[in-house]
Amino acid sequence: MTAYRAAISFPYDSALPRDVININPHFDGPDPAAIAEVLKTNLIAQTYIGAKPFTIKMYEAAKPPPNFPVYTTSQAGTAPTSTYPREVALCLSYYSNFNRPRFRGRLYLPASWFAGAASVRPAGAVITAVLGFGQNVLAKSLPASSYWIVWSTVDKKGDRVTDIWCDDEWDTVRSRGLKATTRQTAKV
């Protein structure tokens, strides 16, 4: 079988490429189109995604650049407005059999998908919802012989995800921040 990287992109605040939030899980399976369509169905079924626009592009994970998508699917819609700082995220961590380098990975999911009122730490229900993303979007109803995997860029191979976790600490993804529109200065 072949390993694929699913580049899932969600536009926020505008249709500009710089305002896109990306999540890049990997999968192993015989049919990238079937995997992408299941992911699309699973994303739409989540209340925090629902009718929001997104695009899924499937790439061969081991192929060197230039690497073009082997399949693309999307859901149209209007880019939502951020309700939280876009840099704030929750980390869905995962591993295959052993929690050690080359067997583990992480995905940074936008806090605005899960969080209600801002708090010092994410509530238990928020952490449960992040785990639900792994269970109900990335691992649910995948086509026969297809699996969510941990991809090792060093070994150029993937291992099936066996365990996931999310801790009670907010994470920051600086690249997701908005571009500054104004600046104030002062003399000292």
Protein backbone atom coordinates (compact mmCIF):
# COMPACT_ATOMS: atom_id res chain seq x y z
CA MET A 1 0.00 0.00 0.00
CA THR A 2 0.95 3.65 -0.25
CA ALA A 3 1.22 6.29 2.46
CA TYR A 4 -0.59 9.58 1.85
CA ARG A 5 -0.47 12.98 3.51
CA ALA A 6 -3.89 14.60 3.75
CA ALA A 7 -3.45 18.38 3.59
CA ILE A 8 -6.70 19.62 5.14
CA SER A 9 -7.06 23.39 4.93
CA PHE A 10 -9.67 25.63 6.55
CA PRO A 11 -9.92 29.29 5.45
CA TYR A 12 -10.61 31.76 8.28
CA ASP A 13 -11.38 35.48 8.16
CA SER A 14 -10.74 35.74 4.39
CA ALA A 15 -10.10 33.65 1.30
CA LEU A 16 -6.41 34.63 1.28
CA PRO A 17 -3.91 31.73 1.42
CA ARG A 18 -2.19 33.29 4.46
CA ASP A 19 -5.45 32.98 6.43
CA VAL A 20 -5.74 29.22 5.99
CA ILE A 21 -5.36 26.84 8.94
CA ASN A 22 -3.75 23.53 7.91
CA ILE A 23 -3.87 20.08 9.49
CA ASN A 24 -1.77 17.31 7.93
CA PRO A 25 -2.54 13.76 9.09
CA HIS A 26 -1.14 10.74 7.23
CA PHE A 27 -2.92 7.62 6.03
CA ASP A 28 -1.98 4.28 4.52
CA GLY A 29 -4.30 2.64 2.04
CA PRO A 30 -4.92 1.60 -1.55
CA ASP A 31 -7.27 4.44 -2.58
CA PRO A 32 -6.51 8.10 -1.70
CA ALA A 33 -9.82 9.27 -3.18
CA ALA A 34 -11.82 6.95 -0.92
CA ILE A 35 -9.84 8.09 2.15
CA ALA A 36 -10.39 11.77 1.28
CA GLU A 37 -14.13 11.29 0.76
CA VAL A 38 -14.49 9.53 4.13
CA LEU A 39 -12.55 12.37 5.79
CA LYS A 40 -14.85 14.89 4.11
CA THR A 41 -17.96 13.06 5.35
CA ASN A 42 -16.51 12.78 8.86
CA LEU A 43 -15.60 16.49 8.97
CA ILE A 44 -19.05 17.60 7.82
CA ALA A 45 -20.62 15.43 10.55
CA GLN A 46 -18.78 17.40 13.28
CA THR A 47 -20.87 20.31 14.61
CA TYR A 48 -17.80 22.57 14.88
CA ILE A 49 -17.10 22.07 11.13
CA GLY A 50 -20.52 21.42 9.59
CA ALA A 51 -20.97 23.85 6.68
CA LYS A 52 -17.59 25.63 7.05
CA PRO A 53 -15.46 25.54 3.92
CA PHE A 54 -12.42 23.27 3.70
CA THR A 55 -10.24 21.50 1.14
CA ILE A 56 -8.59 18.09 1.36
CA LYS A 57 -5.62 17.38 -0.90
CA MET A 58 -4.03 13.93 -0.87
CA TYR A 59 -0.29 13.66 -1.57
CA GLU A 60 1.99 10.64 -1.75
CA ALA A 61 3.96 10.92 1.49
CA ALA A 62 7.24 9.44 0.25
CA LYS A 63 7.37 11.28 -3.07
CA PRO A 64 10.05 13.98 -3.30
CA PRO A 65 9.22 17.54 -4.47
CA PRO A 66 7.64 18.61 -6.65
CA ASN A 67 4.80 16.55 -5.26
CA PHE A 68 1.39 17.25 -6.74
CA PRO A 69 -1.95 16.16 -5.24
CA VAL A 70 -3.23 12.78 -6.38
CA TYR A 71 -6.78 13.69 -5.32
CA THR A 72 -8.60 16.84 -4.17
CA THR A 73 -12.04 17.35 -2.68
CA SER A 74 -13.60 20.32 -0.92
CA GLN A 75 -16.65 21.87 0.65
CA ALA A 76 -17.59 25.35 -0.48
CA GLY A 77 -18.76 28.09 1.83
CA THR A 78 -17.92 31.45 3.34
CA ALA A 79 -14.80 31.63 5.48
CA PRO A 80 -15.85 32.00 9.13
CA THR A 81 -14.61 34.84 11.31
CA SER A 82 -12.23 33.88 14.11
CA THR A 83 -13.78 33.99 17.56
CA TYR A 84 -10.49 33.28 19.36
CA PRO A 85 -6.92 34.26 18.61
CA ARG A 86 -6.10 31.93 15.73
CA GLU A 87 -2.76 31.02 17.26
CA VAL A 88 -4.44 29.27 20.20
CA ALA A 89 -4.71 25.53 19.63
CA LEU A 90 -5.08 22.18 21.33
CA CYS A 91 -2.60 19.44 20.54
CA LEU A 92 -3.91 16.03 19.55
CA SER A 93 -0.89 13.81 20.17
CA TYR A 94 -0.69 10.23 18.93
CA TYR A 95 1.66 7.32 18.59
CA SER A 96 2.00 3.81 17.19
CA ASN A 97 2.68 1.16 19.85
CA PHE A 98 5.58 3.06 21.45
CA ASN A 99 5.60 6.69 22.59
CA ARG A 100 9.03 7.58 21.23
CA PRO A 101 10.51 9.49 18.27
CA ARG A 102 9.59 8.20 14.79
CA PHE A 103 6.51 6.51 16.29
CA ARG A 104 4.64 9.62 17.45
CA GLY A 105 3.08 12.73 15.99
CA ARG A 106 0.81 15.65 16.76
CA LEU A 107 -1.85 17.78 15.15
CA TYR A 108 -2.67 21.29 16.36
CA LEU A 109 -6.43 21.82 16.23
CA PRO A 110 -7.91 25.34 16.50
CA ALA A 111 -9.20 26.09 20.00
CA SER A 112 -12.17 27.94 18.48
CA TRP A 113 -13.59 24.59 17.33
CA PHE A 114 -13.94 23.26 20.85
CA ALA A 115 -13.68 25.98 23.47
CA GLY A 116 -16.54 27.89 25.03
CA ALA A 117 -15.52 30.62 27.44
CA ALA A 118 -11.81 31.32 27.66
CA SER A 119 -10.18 29.82 30.73
CA VAL A 120 -6.69 29.23 32.07
CA ARG A 121 -6.88 25.55 31.10
CA PRO A 122 -9.17 23.72 28.69
CA ALA A 123 -12.08 21.98 30.40
CA GLY A 124 -12.40 18.20 30.44
CA ALA A 125 -15.21 18.36 27.86
CA VAL A 126 -12.92 20.31 25.51
CA ILE A 127 -10.17 17.70 25.84
CA THR A 128 -12.73 14.95 25.20
CA ALA A 129 -13.85 16.78 22.04
CA VAL A 130 -10.24 16.92 20.78
CA LEU A 131 -9.91 13.17 21.34
CA GLY A 132 -13.20 12.82 19.46
CA PHE A 133 -11.57 14.48 16.44
CA GLY A 134 -9.05 11.66 16.32
CA GLN A 135 -11.66 8.97 16.84
CA ASN A 136 -14.55 10.39 14.79
CA VAL A 137 -12.75 12.17 11.95
CA LEU A 138 -9.35 10.55 11.41
CA ALA A 139 -10.02 6.93 12.38
CA LYS A 140 -13.75 6.41 11.77
CA SER A 141 -15.17 4.43 8.83
CA LEU A 142 -11.95 4.43 6.79
CA PRO A 143 -12.07 2.27 3.64
CA ALA A 144 -10.95 -1.36 3.88
CA SER A 145 -7.19 -1.74 4.41
CA SER A 146 -6.82 2.00 5.15
CA TYR A 147 -5.42 3.38 8.39
CA TRP A 148 -4.45 6.63 10.11
CA ILE A 149 -0.67 6.40 10.50
CA VAL A 150 2.32 8.07 12.09
CA TRP A 151 4.61 8.99 9.19
CA SER A 152 8.36 8.99 9.83
CA THR A 153 10.17 11.35 7.46
CA VAL A 154 13.45 9.73 8.55
CA ASP A 155 12.45 6.10 7.94
CA LYS A 156 10.08 6.96 5.06
CA LYS A 157 7.45 4.62 6.47
CA GLY A 158 4.24 4.78 8.44
CA ASP A 159 2.91 2.86 11.41
CA ARG A 160 -0.75 2.56 12.38
CA VAL A 161 -1.88 4.93 15.16
CA THR A 162 -2.75 2.97 18.32
CA ASP A 163 -3.04 5.65 21.03
CA ILE A 164 -4.06 9.31 21.26
CA TRP A 165 -4.03 11.92 24.02
CA CYS A 166 -4.61 15.59 24.72
CA ASP A 167 -3.38 17.43 27.80
CA ASP A 168 -4.89 20.38 29.68
CA GLU A 169 -2.55 23.02 28.27
CA TRP A 170 -3.28 25.47 25.45
CA ASP A 171 -0.74 25.48 22.62
CA THR A 172 0.40 28.31 20.35
CA VAL A 173 0.90 28.04 16.60
CA ARG A 174 2.50 31.36 15.68
CA SER A 175 2.15 30.83 11.92
CA ARG A 176 -1.66 30.98 12.26
CA GLY A 177 -1.67 34.55 13.53
CA LEU A 178 -3.21 37.43 11.65
CA LYS A 179 -1.03 39.90 9.81
CA ALA A 180 -0.78 43.22 11.62
CA THR A 181 -2.94 45.99 10.13
CA THR A 182 -1.94 48.93 12.32
CA ARG A 183 0.94 49.99 14.55
CA GLN A 184 1.12 52.51 17.38
CA THR A 185 4.37 54.13 18.42
CA ALA A 186 5.45 56.27 21.35
CA LYS A 187 8.55 58.12 22.46
CA VAL A 188 10.19 57.28 25.75
